[in-house]
Amino acid sequence: MMKRYYIFLFFSLLLFSCKKDDTAKLVADDPTIIQDQYGRQLILHGLNTSSSAKGGNFHPWIVESDVEREDTAFGFNFVRYLTSWVAIEPEKGVFDENYLNELERRINWYTSRKMYVMIDMHQDVYSAFVGGNGAPEWACRTNGAAPISLPGGTPWWLKNIDQQVINCWINFWSYNQHKDLQDHYILTWQKIAERFKNNPYVIGYDLMNEPWGGDLVKVFLTGEFERVQLTAFYNRLIPALRNTDPNKYIFFEPTPAPVTFGAPSNLSSIKDTRNSARLVYAPHCYPYDTHEGNGYTATSKQQLKDWERERVKDLKKHGGISLLTGEFGLSPSQIGFADYLNDFNEMSDRNQWHWTYWSNDLGGWSPLNVDRSETVVLEHLIRTYPKATAGKLVAFNFDPVTKVFSMTFKSNAAISQPTEIFIPNRFYPSGWDLTVTGTTNYTQDFDASKQLLKFSTSDNAKEITIEITPK
């Protein structure tokens, strides 16, 4: 009799699991948004981690308690986690498993807390061998050019005019002549994907940080670099990556300048080989004056408007996909820094765009001082926002002055997990009130440790508005 009972229990549990899985399958992929494993629409806010990973042992400075703080105190649900080609394949065909083990251990600090990770293959000025970071020495083909010395105070990115750097880039993009370079870069990505493909909180891969063309004519004048070479590179890399990991989001970037300043991109339409595309456009946003320390000037304000207009055009060209601003930021000592961050956040919210601030390195532009205390930057990064929505957002908004938050979404009863809204206690010292319109059929629960409101309804396809106001 007891044996029969256990058999019955086993099949009951099996049936329950199947039903749960079947329900999850009812939630269709929507290529216009980023969804979690339950089908909820995500809004991703977080930090870049970090410049300190560009050299040394190629790991960021943080310890696990820093991640805990980002999660619970600051309410971030996302990180752009830097790695680099040289860290993974320091010698041609030799992959550093010890580095990958440590990378996985550190990424698990985030994913064990249900924070999402985008792994960023970072480079600046191609490689440390030519004065930057990113590629291994064996992948530097300078054609024998001699390095140049730039005067002190010259912006770091002008090192890209060094003939050594130019030749490295030109050779990397010349696939027919230097096929092995891109092929090994792709192998490196496949090594990463093999490690993380089964972790649902590693949400995707940023294929290359700020890809640069080398040839200034093709970058600035003809647009050939983005239109032809960079597009071909992505169309080579994405199918190969999909062979290893068919499901994660793939984040791709245009060239940095002049796109970061609000200029159009010449990148051709990028396609996913997956049946339902999981692509995210990931440009960087640095109005020139804010980037170079001159403050949020009238020129910068216009460039931010230009940036929004041009990025909306880009998204249409790429099939109506979502956008994540992989980098933005400025020094809190700059004139108008608060206005810039407020304008940036308003732009992001109205477009339902995601972001990661540059960066969490201590001091400078960081939201943290060298002693890990908060800087004024953090006041503008911490916001009430919908981390995960059981349905599809129509709109959301947070007013940093009144602290009023509102969101409207169309509910999806096939999603088994609740809508989650981060509500930072620091903004509501006397508490907050919740107003719901569009349904009376809902439950709510507040997780004080994570400052997280969980809202559930069994209503389907209802347009629901939630408003949070200070008491």
Protein backbone atom coordinates (compact mmCIF):
# COMPACT_ATOMS: atom_id res chain seq x y z
CA MET A 1 0.00 0.00 0.00
CA MET A 2 2.80 2.37 0.98
CA LYS A 3 4.57 1.62 -2.30
CA ARG A 4 1.43 2.55 -4.24
CA TYR A 5 1.19 5.79 -2.31
CA TYR A 6 4.72 6.81 -3.27
CA ILE A 7 4.10 5.91 -6.90
CA PHE A 8 0.96 8.04 -6.86
CA LEU A 9 2.83 10.91 -5.20
CA PHE A 10 5.65 10.69 -7.74
CA PHE A 11 3.29 10.89 -10.74
CA SER A 12 1.27 13.65 -9.11
CA LEU A 13 4.38 15.74 -8.66
CA LEU A 14 5.45 14.95 -12.20
CA LEU A 15 2.05 16.04 -13.53
CA PHE A 16 2.20 19.23 -11.47
CA SER A 17 5.64 20.03 -12.86
CA CYS A 18 4.49 19.44 -16.42
CA LYS A 19 1.52 21.71 -15.92
CA LYS A 20 3.79 24.40 -14.56
CA ASP A 21 6.13 24.06 -17.53
CA ASP A 22 3.22 24.11 -19.97
CA THR A 23 1.97 27.32 -18.40
CA ALA A 24 5.38 28.91 -18.83
CA LYS A 25 5.32 27.96 -22.50
CA LEU A 26 2.13 29.93 -22.97
CA VAL A 27 4.14 33.13 -22.46
CA ALA A 28 5.33 34.01 -25.93
CA ASP A 29 8.68 35.58 -26.68
CA ASP A 30 8.38 39.29 -27.43
CA PRO A 31 11.44 40.55 -29.34
CA THR A 32 10.62 44.19 -28.50
CA ILE A 33 11.36 43.75 -24.78
CA ILE A 34 13.72 41.84 -22.48
CA GLN A 35 11.97 38.99 -20.66
CA ASP A 36 12.99 36.77 -17.79
CA GLN A 37 12.60 32.99 -17.71
CA TYR A 38 8.98 33.40 -16.59
CA GLY A 39 8.04 35.75 -19.42
CA ARG A 40 7.98 38.94 -17.34
CA GLN A 41 9.13 42.18 -18.93
CA LEU A 42 12.31 43.37 -17.26
CA ILE A 43 13.66 46.86 -16.74
CA LEU A 44 17.38 46.60 -16.03
CA HIS A 45 19.27 49.15 -13.92
CA GLY A 46 22.82 48.63 -12.71
CA LEU A 47 26.51 49.46 -12.78
CA ASN A 48 29.54 48.53 -14.85
CA THR A 49 31.94 46.25 -12.96
CA SER A 50 34.60 47.59 -13.54
CA SER A 51 37.69 49.37 -14.90
CA SER A 52 39.81 47.36 -12.48
CA ALA A 53 39.00 44.25 -14.54
CA LYS A 54 40.87 45.61 -17.58
CA GLY A 55 44.29 44.50 -16.32
CA GLY A 56 46.08 42.86 -13.42
CA ASN A 57 44.30 39.59 -12.71
CA PHE A 58 41.39 40.73 -14.93
CA HIS A 59 38.87 40.63 -12.09
CA PRO A 60 37.01 43.61 -10.59
CA TRP A 61 37.90 45.01 -7.16
CA ILE A 62 34.58 44.09 -5.53
CA VAL A 63 33.89 41.49 -2.86
CA GLU A 64 30.57 39.72 -2.33
CA SER A 65 29.30 42.21 0.25
CA ASP A 66 29.48 44.94 -2.42
CA VAL A 67 27.15 42.90 -4.59
CA GLU A 68 24.77 42.42 -1.66
CA ARG A 69 24.68 46.19 -1.19
CA GLU A 70 23.94 46.83 -4.87
CA ASP A 71 21.06 44.37 -4.65
CA THR A 72 19.37 45.22 -1.36
CA ALA A 73 20.37 48.81 -0.52
CA PHE A 74 20.53 50.31 -4.01
CA GLY A 75 17.94 48.13 -5.73
CA PHE A 76 19.97 47.38 -8.83
CA ASN A 77 18.96 44.19 -10.64
CA PHE A 78 21.69 44.10 -13.26
CA VAL A 79 25.42 44.36 -13.87
CA ARG A 80 27.52 44.84 -16.98
CA TYR A 81 30.42 42.57 -16.04
CA LEU A 82 33.72 43.20 -17.83
CA THR A 83 35.93 40.45 -19.16
CA SER A 84 38.45 40.48 -21.98
CA TRP A 85 39.86 38.32 -24.73
CA VAL A 86 43.38 38.34 -23.27
CA ALA A 87 42.10 37.01 -19.93
CA ILE A 88 40.44 34.02 -21.58
CA GLU A 89 42.84 33.20 -24.44
CA PRO A 90 46.21 34.65 -23.39
CA GLU A 91 48.04 32.40 -25.85
CA LYS A 92 46.64 31.38 -29.19
CA GLY A 93 44.49 28.30 -28.73
CA VAL A 94 45.15 28.16 -24.97
CA PHE A 95 42.15 29.01 -22.80
CA ASP A 96 42.68 29.89 -19.15
CA GLU A 97 40.34 27.61 -17.22
CA ASN A 98 41.49 29.01 -13.88
CA TYR A 99 40.41 32.48 -14.95
CA LEU A 100 37.07 31.14 -16.19
CA ASN A 101 36.52 29.31 -12.88
CA GLU A 102 37.08 32.51 -10.94
CA LEU A 103 34.92 34.49 -13.38
CA GLU A 104 32.09 32.02 -12.79
CA ARG A 105 32.53 32.17 -9.01
CA ARG A 106 32.27 35.96 -9.01
CA ILE A 107 29.36 36.11 -11.44
CA ASN A 108 27.54 33.72 -9.12
CA TRP A 109 27.65 36.43 -6.44
CA TYR A 110 25.11 38.25 -8.61
CA THR A 111 23.10 35.40 -10.00
CA SER A 112 22.64 33.72 -6.60
CA ARG A 113 20.79 36.92 -5.62
CA LYS A 114 18.69 36.79 -8.80
CA MET A 115 20.50 39.77 -10.25
CA TYR A 116 21.00 39.67 -14.01
CA VAL A 117 24.45 39.65 -15.58
CA MET A 118 25.48 40.76 -19.04
CA ILE A 119 29.04 39.65 -19.81
CA ASP A 120 30.88 42.39 -21.71
CA MET A 121 33.90 41.54 -23.85
CA HIS A 122 35.77 44.75 -23.15
CA GLN A 123 38.50 46.55 -25.04
CA ASP A 124 39.82 50.10 -25.27
CA VAL A 125 42.43 50.97 -27.91
CA TYR A 126 42.56 47.29 -28.91
CA SER A 127 45.20 45.83 -26.55
CA ALA A 128 47.62 46.50 -23.69
CA PHE A 129 50.38 45.65 -26.16
CA VAL A 130 49.63 48.90 -28.03
CA GLY A 131 48.67 51.00 -25.01
CA GLY A 132 45.08 49.95 -24.35
CA ASN A 133 43.41 46.77 -23.13
CA GLY A 134 41.45 43.84 -24.52
CA ALA A 135 43.16 41.67 -27.11
CA PRO A 136 46.09 39.34 -26.35
CA GLU A 137 49.53 40.23 -27.68
CA TRP A 138 49.47 37.39 -30.18
CA ALA A 139 46.43 39.03 -31.85
CA CYS A 140 48.26 42.37 -32.37
CA ARG A 141 49.41 42.70 -35.97
CA THR A 142 51.00 46.12 -36.21
CA ASN A 143 52.76 45.62 -39.57
CA GLY A 144 55.95 46.83 -37.89
CA ALA A 145 54.66 50.34 -37.15
CA ALA A 146 56.35 52.32 -34.38
CA PRO A 147 54.30 53.68 -31.45
CA ILE A 148 53.71 57.40 -30.99
CA SER A 149 53.82 59.45 -27.79
CA LEU A 150 50.95 61.81 -27.08
CA PRO A 151 51.40 64.93 -24.92
CA GLY A 152 50.16 64.83 -21.33
CA GLY A 153 46.49 65.68 -20.89
CA THR A 154 45.53 64.26 -24.29
CA PRO A 155 42.24 62.30 -24.10
CA TRP A 156 43.03 58.58 -23.82
CA TRP A 157 40.89 57.70 -26.82
CA LEU A 158 43.11 59.71 -29.17
CA LYS A 159 45.59 56.85 -28.86
CA ASN A 160 43.45 55.32 -31.63
CA ILE A 161 45.36 57.52 -34.12
CA ASP A 162 48.57 55.59 -33.33
CA GLN A 163 49.55 53.68 -36.48
CA GLN A 164 50.17 50.55 -34.40
CA VAL A 165 46.59 50.65 -33.16
CA ILE A 166 45.21 51.48 -36.59
CA ASN A 167 46.99 48.50 -38.13
CA CYS A 168 45.79 46.14 -35.39
CA TRP A 169 42.19 47.15 -36.03
CA ILE A 170 42.45 47.09 -39.82
CA ASN A 171 43.93 43.60 -39.70
CA PHE A 172 41.31 42.36 -37.24
CA TRP A 173 38.48 43.49 -39.55
CA SER A 174 40.17 42.10 -42.69
CA TYR A 175 38.60 38.68 -42.40
CA ASN A 176 39.79 37.29 -45.71
CA GLN A 177 43.43 38.14 -44.92
CA HIS A 178 43.42 37.48 -41.14
CA LYS A 179 40.62 34.97 -40.71
CA ASP A 180 42.14 33.45 -37.57
CA LEU A 181 41.69 36.63 -35.51
CA GLN A 182 37.92 36.75 -35.67
CA ASP A 183 37.67 32.97 -35.57
CA HIS A 184 39.54 32.88 -32.25
CA TYR A 185 37.50 35.77 -30.90
CA ILE A 186 34.41 33.69 -31.70
CA LEU A 187 35.94 30.64 -29.99
CA THR A 188 36.48 32.76 -26.89
CA TRP A 189 32.81 33.72 -26.85
CA GLN A 190 31.82 30.10 -27.25
CA LYS A 191 33.94 29.23 -24.21
CA ILE A 192 32.00 31.80 -22.19
CA ALA A 193 28.64 30.63 -23.51
CA GLU A 194 29.42 27.02 -22.70
CA ARG A 195 30.02 28.07 -19.09
CA PHE A 196 26.92 30.18 -18.60
CA LYS A 197 24.27 28.96 -21.02
CA ASN A 198 22.33 27.14 -18.28
CA ASN A 199 22.33 30.01 -15.79
CA PRO A 200 19.08 31.96 -16.40
CA TYR A 201 20.40 35.02 -14.57
CA VAL A 202 23.31 35.42 -16.97
CA ILE A 203 20.94 37.15 -19.31
CA GLY A 204 23.25 37.75 -22.24
CA TYR A 205 26.49 38.74 -23.94
CA ASP A 206 27.80 42.14 -25.08
CA LEU A 207 29.76 41.11 -28.16
CA MET A 208 32.42 43.87 -28.14
CA ASN A 209 32.82 47.05 -26.18
CA GLU A 210 33.02 50.14 -28.41
CA PRO A 211 34.15 48.44 -31.65
CA TRP A 212 36.50 50.72 -33.53
CA GLY A 213 37.28 50.62 -37.24
CA GLY A 214 40.87 51.82 -37.34
CA ASP A 215 40.48 53.40 -40.78
CA LEU A 216 39.22 56.93 -40.01
CA VAL A 217 37.85 57.42 -43.52
CA LYS A 218 35.67 54.30 -43.20
CA VAL A 219 34.58 55.29 -39.69
CA PHE A 220 33.80 58.99 -40.14
CA LEU A 221 33.42 59.77 -43.83
CA THR A 222 32.02 56.81 -45.77
CA GLY A 223 30.44 54.83 -42.91
CA GLU A 224 31.81 51.68 -44.54
CA PHE A 225 33.21 50.30 -41.29
CA GLU A 226 29.83 49.93 -39.58
CA ARG A 227 27.83 49.25 -42.71
CA VAL A 228 30.12 46.52 -44.08
CA GLN A 229 32.85 45.26 -41.75
CA LEU A 230 31.16 45.51 -38.35
CA THR A 231 27.89 44.17 -39.72
CA ALA A 232 29.71 41.21 -41.30
CA PHE A 233 31.48 40.53 -38.00
CA TYR A 234 28.20 40.41 -36.06
CA ASN A 235 26.61 38.23 -38.73
CA ARG A 236 29.54 35.85 -38.36
CA LEU A 237 29.63 35.85 -34.56
CA ILE A 238 25.91 35.62 -33.75
CA PRO A 239 25.20 32.33 -35.60
CA ALA A 240 28.33 30.74 -34.07
CA LEU A 241 27.30 31.87 -30.60
CA ARG A 242 23.80 30.54 -31.18
CA ASN A 243 25.28 27.10 -31.89
CA THR A 244 26.52 27.07 -28.30
CA ASP A 245 23.76 29.08 -26.60
CA PRO A 246 20.47 29.31 -28.50
CA ASN A 247 18.53 31.36 -25.97
CA LYS A 248 20.35 34.22 -24.25
CA TYR A 249 20.07 37.85 -25.29
CA ILE A 250 22.82 39.11 -27.56
CA PHE A 251 23.77 42.75 -27.05
CA PHE A 252 25.52 44.53 -29.89
CA GLU A 253 27.04 48.00 -30.13
CA PRO A 254 27.61 50.53 -32.88
CA THR A 255 30.94 52.31 -33.17
CA PRO A 256 31.47 54.71 -30.24
CA ALA A 257 32.30 58.01 -31.95
CA PRO A 258 30.41 59.84 -33.24
CA VAL A 259 27.39 57.75 -32.13
CA THR A 260 27.97 58.42 -28.43
CA PHE A 261 27.63 62.16 -29.15
CA GLY A 262 24.22 61.79 -30.78
CA ALA A 263 25.18 61.21 -34.41
CA PRO A 264 23.51 58.59 -36.65
CA SER A 265 24.85 55.06 -36.85
CA ASN A 266 25.67 53.39 -40.17
CA LEU A 267 25.33 49.87 -38.82
CA SER A 268 23.26 47.68 -41.13
CA SER A 269 20.32 45.67 -39.85
CA ILE A 270 21.54 42.92 -37.52
CA LYS A 271 19.63 39.64 -37.55
CA ASP A 272 19.31 36.79 -35.09
CA THR A 273 19.35 33.20 -36.34
CA ARG A 274 16.97 32.30 -33.50
CA ASN A 275 13.29 31.89 -34.54
CA SER A 276 12.25 34.67 -32.18
CA ALA A 277 15.00 37.26 -32.01
CA ARG A 278 16.71 38.00 -28.72
CA LEU A 279 18.80 40.96 -29.72
CA VAL A 280 19.37 44.15 -27.75
CA TYR A 281 20.93 47.31 -29.13
CA ALA A 282 23.59 48.52 -26.66
CA PRO A 283 25.05 51.93 -27.60
CA HIS A 284 26.86 54.24 -25.19
CA CYS A 285 25.73 57.77 -24.38
CA TYR A 286 28.36 60.43 -23.72
CA PRO A 287 27.56 63.98 -24.83
CA TYR A 288 30.97 65.39 -25.72
CA ASP A 289 31.24 68.13 -23.09
CA THR A 290 30.13 65.88 -20.24
CA HIS A 291 32.59 63.19 -21.35
CA GLU A 292 35.50 65.65 -21.45
CA GLY A 293 34.67 67.32 -18.12
CA ASN A 294 33.11 70.56 -19.35
CA GLY A 295 29.70 70.02 -17.78
CA TYR A 296 26.15 69.61 -19.05
CA THR A 297 26.29 72.49 -21.50
CA ALA A 298 23.71 73.64 -24.04
CA THR A 299 25.63 71.59 -26.61
CA SER A 300 25.41 68.50 -24.41
CA LYS A 301 21.67 68.99 -23.92
CA GLN A 302 21.18 69.13 -27.67
CA GLN A 303 23.38 66.07 -28.18
CA LEU A 304 21.27 64.11 -25.68
CA LYS A 305 18.14 65.02 -27.67
CA ASP A 306 19.93 64.03 -30.89
CA TRP A 307 21.01 60.76 -29.27
CA GLU A 308 17.44 59.83 -28.36
CA ARG A 309 16.12 60.68 -31.82
CA GLU A 310 18.83 58.72 -33.63
CA ARG A 311 18.61 55.70 -31.35
CA VAL A 312 14.85 55.47 -31.93
CA LYS A 313 15.63 55.35 -35.66
CA ASP A 314 18.25 52.65 -35.09
CA LEU A 315 15.79 50.46 -33.19
CA LYS A 316 13.32 50.57 -36.07
CA LYS A 317 16.10 49.57 -38.47
CA HIS A 318 16.99 46.58 -36.28
CA GLY A 319 13.40 45.33 -36.09
CA GLY A 320 11.93 47.16 -33.10
CA ILE A 321 14.19 45.53 -30.52
CA SER A 322 14.97 46.87 -27.04
CA LEU A 323 17.84 49.19 -26.07
CA LEU A 324 20.29 49.12 -23.20
CA THR A 325 22.64 52.06 -22.66
CA GLY A 326 25.77 50.12 -21.78
CA GLU A 327 27.62 53.19 -20.54
CA PHE A 328 26.75 56.71 -19.47
CA GLY A 329 28.06 58.92 -16.68
CA LEU A 330 30.00 61.99 -15.67
CA SER A 331 31.86 63.51 -12.75
CA PRO A 332 29.66 64.85 -9.94
CA SER A 333 31.96 67.90 -9.86
CA GLN A 334 30.74 68.98 -13.30
CA ILE A 335 28.29 71.83 -13.69
CA GLY A 336 24.80 70.50 -14.35
CA PHE A 337 25.59 66.89 -13.52
CA ALA A 338 22.27 66.41 -11.68
CA ASP A 339 20.31 67.87 -14.59
CA TYR A 340 22.08 65.50 -16.96
CA LEU A 341 21.26 62.43 -14.90
CA ASN A 342 17.64 63.54 -14.46
CA ASP A 343 17.26 64.17 -18.21
CA PHE A 344 18.91 60.84 -19.00
CA ASN A 345 16.58 58.97 -16.62
CA GLU A 346 13.49 60.67 -18.02
CA MET A 347 14.56 59.72 -21.53
CA SER A 348 15.20 56.11 -20.50
CA ASP A 349 11.89 55.74 -18.64
CA ARG A 350 9.71 57.16 -21.40
CA ASN A 351 11.31 54.79 -23.91
CA GLN A 352 11.44 51.82 -21.49
CA TRP A 353 15.19 51.61 -22.05
CA HIS A 354 17.66 49.85 -19.77
CA TRP A 355 20.98 51.19 -18.45
CA THR A 356 24.28 50.51 -16.70
CA TYR A 357 26.18 53.45 -15.25
CA TRP A 358 29.93 53.82 -15.82
CA SER A 359 31.16 52.69 -13.39
CA ASN A 360 31.42 51.35 -9.83
CA ASP A 361 35.19 51.99 -9.56
CA LEU A 362 35.73 53.89 -6.32
CA GLY A 363 36.06 57.68 -6.62
CA GLY A 364 35.84 59.86 -9.72
CA TRP A 365 32.60 59.30 -11.60
CA SER A 366 31.57 56.47 -9.28
CA PRO A 367 28.49 56.46 -7.06
CA LEU A 368 30.92 55.42 -4.28
CA ASN A 369 33.83 57.20 -2.63
CA VAL A 370 37.12 55.43 -1.99
CA ASP A 371 35.87 54.48 1.49
CA ARG A 372 32.73 52.96 -0.13
CA SER A 373 30.48 55.72 1.21
CA GLU A 374 27.81 57.06 -1.16
CA THR A 375 28.42 60.00 -3.48
CA VAL A 376 25.73 62.37 -4.76
CA VAL A 377 25.64 60.38 -8.00
CA LEU A 378 23.81 57.57 -6.23
CA GLU A 379 20.89 59.90 -5.37
CA HIS A 380 20.10 60.01 -9.08
CA LEU A 381 20.66 56.32 -9.86
CA ILE A 382 18.45 54.89 -7.12
CA ARG A 383 14.85 55.09 -8.32
CA THR A 384 11.45 53.54 -7.80
CA TYR A 385 11.06 51.37 -10.89
CA PRO A 386 9.39 48.17 -12.17
CA LYS A 387 12.05 45.48 -12.03
CA ALA A 388 9.79 42.80 -13.52
CA THR A 389 6.27 43.12 -14.94
CA ALA A 390 3.84 40.21 -15.28
CA GLY A 391 2.62 41.43 -18.63
CA LYS A 392 3.73 44.25 -20.90
CA LEU A 393 4.43 47.80 -19.85
CA VAL A 394 2.48 50.60 -21.46
CA ALA A 395 4.40 53.32 -19.61
CA PHE A 396 6.11 54.08 -16.32
CA ASN A 397 7.47 57.20 -14.66
CA PHE A 398 9.22 58.28 -11.48
CA ASP A 399 9.35 61.91 -10.38
CA PRO A 400 12.57 62.43 -8.35
CA VAL A 401 11.17 65.58 -6.72
CA THR A 402 7.71 64.41 -5.60
CA LYS A 403 8.77 60.73 -5.37
CA VAL A 404 5.56 59.75 -7.14
CA PHE A 405 5.82 56.59 -9.23
CA SER A 406 3.27 55.30 -11.71
CA MET A 407 3.16 52.41 -14.14
CA THR A 408 0.55 51.10 -16.53
CA PHE A 409 0.76 47.59 -17.93
CA LYS A 410 -1.34 45.01 -19.69
CA SER A 411 -1.56 41.94 -17.46
CA ASN A 412 -0.75 38.40 -18.57
CA ALA A 413 -2.30 35.72 -16.35
CA ALA A 414 -0.14 33.00 -17.94
CA ILE A 415 2.87 34.44 -16.10
CA SER A 416 3.26 32.63 -12.79
CA GLN A 417 5.47 35.19 -11.03
CA PRO A 418 4.39 38.58 -9.63
CA THR A 419 5.10 42.09 -10.83
CA GLU A 420 8.02 43.41 -8.76
CA ILE A 421 8.58 47.10 -8.03
CA PHE A 422 11.62 48.43 -6.20
CA ILE A 423 10.52 51.05 -3.64
CA PRO A 424 13.56 52.51 -1.83
CA ASN A 425 12.86 53.26 1.82
CA ARG A 426 15.10 56.34 1.70
CA PHE A 427 12.48 58.14 -0.42
CA TYR A 428 9.53 57.31 1.82
CA PRO A 429 10.53 57.92 5.46
CA SER A 430 6.87 58.01 6.56
CA GLY A 431 5.83 55.16 4.26
CA TRP A 432 3.94 55.14 1.00
CA ASP A 433 0.44 54.61 -0.35
CA LEU A 434 -0.50 52.26 -3.17
CA THR A 435 -3.34 53.05 -5.57
CA VAL A 436 -4.46 50.48 -8.13
CA THR A 437 -6.89 51.10 -10.98
CA GLY A 438 -8.09 48.67 -13.62
CA THR A 439 -8.64 45.74 -11.24
CA THR A 440 -9.76 44.96 -7.71
CA ASN A 441 -8.58 41.37 -8.05
CA TYR A 442 -5.03 41.57 -6.75
CA THR A 443 -2.75 40.78 -3.83
CA GLN A 444 0.30 42.66 -2.64
CA ASP A 445 3.27 41.79 -0.47
CA PHE A 446 6.24 43.93 0.51
CA ASP A 447 9.65 42.37 1.10
CA ALA A 448 11.24 44.92 3.44
CA SER A 449 14.70 43.33 3.25
CA LYS A 450 14.81 43.88 -0.53
CA GLN A 451 12.52 46.96 -0.56
CA LEU A 452 10.45 45.07 -3.11
CA LEU A 453 6.70 45.23 -3.71
CA LYS A 454 5.24 42.04 -5.19
CA PHE A 455 1.91 42.56 -6.96
CA SER A 456 -0.17 39.66 -8.32
CA THR A 457 -3.43 39.45 -10.23
CA SER A 458 -5.20 36.60 -12.00
CA ASP A 459 -6.86 39.03 -14.39
CA ASN A 460 -5.73 38.60 -17.97
CA ALA A 461 -5.26 41.27 -20.63
CA LYS A 462 -6.39 44.01 -18.27
CA GLU A 463 -4.79 47.45 -18.42
CA ILE A 464 -3.74 48.09 -14.85
CA THR A 465 -2.24 51.25 -13.36
CA ILE A 466 -0.25 51.25 -10.13
CA GLU A 467 0.66 54.49 -8.39
CA ILE A 468 2.94 54.90 -5.39
CA THR A 469 2.91 58.18 -3.45
CA PRO A 470 4.68 59.25 -0.24
CA LYS A 471 2.58 59.47 2.93
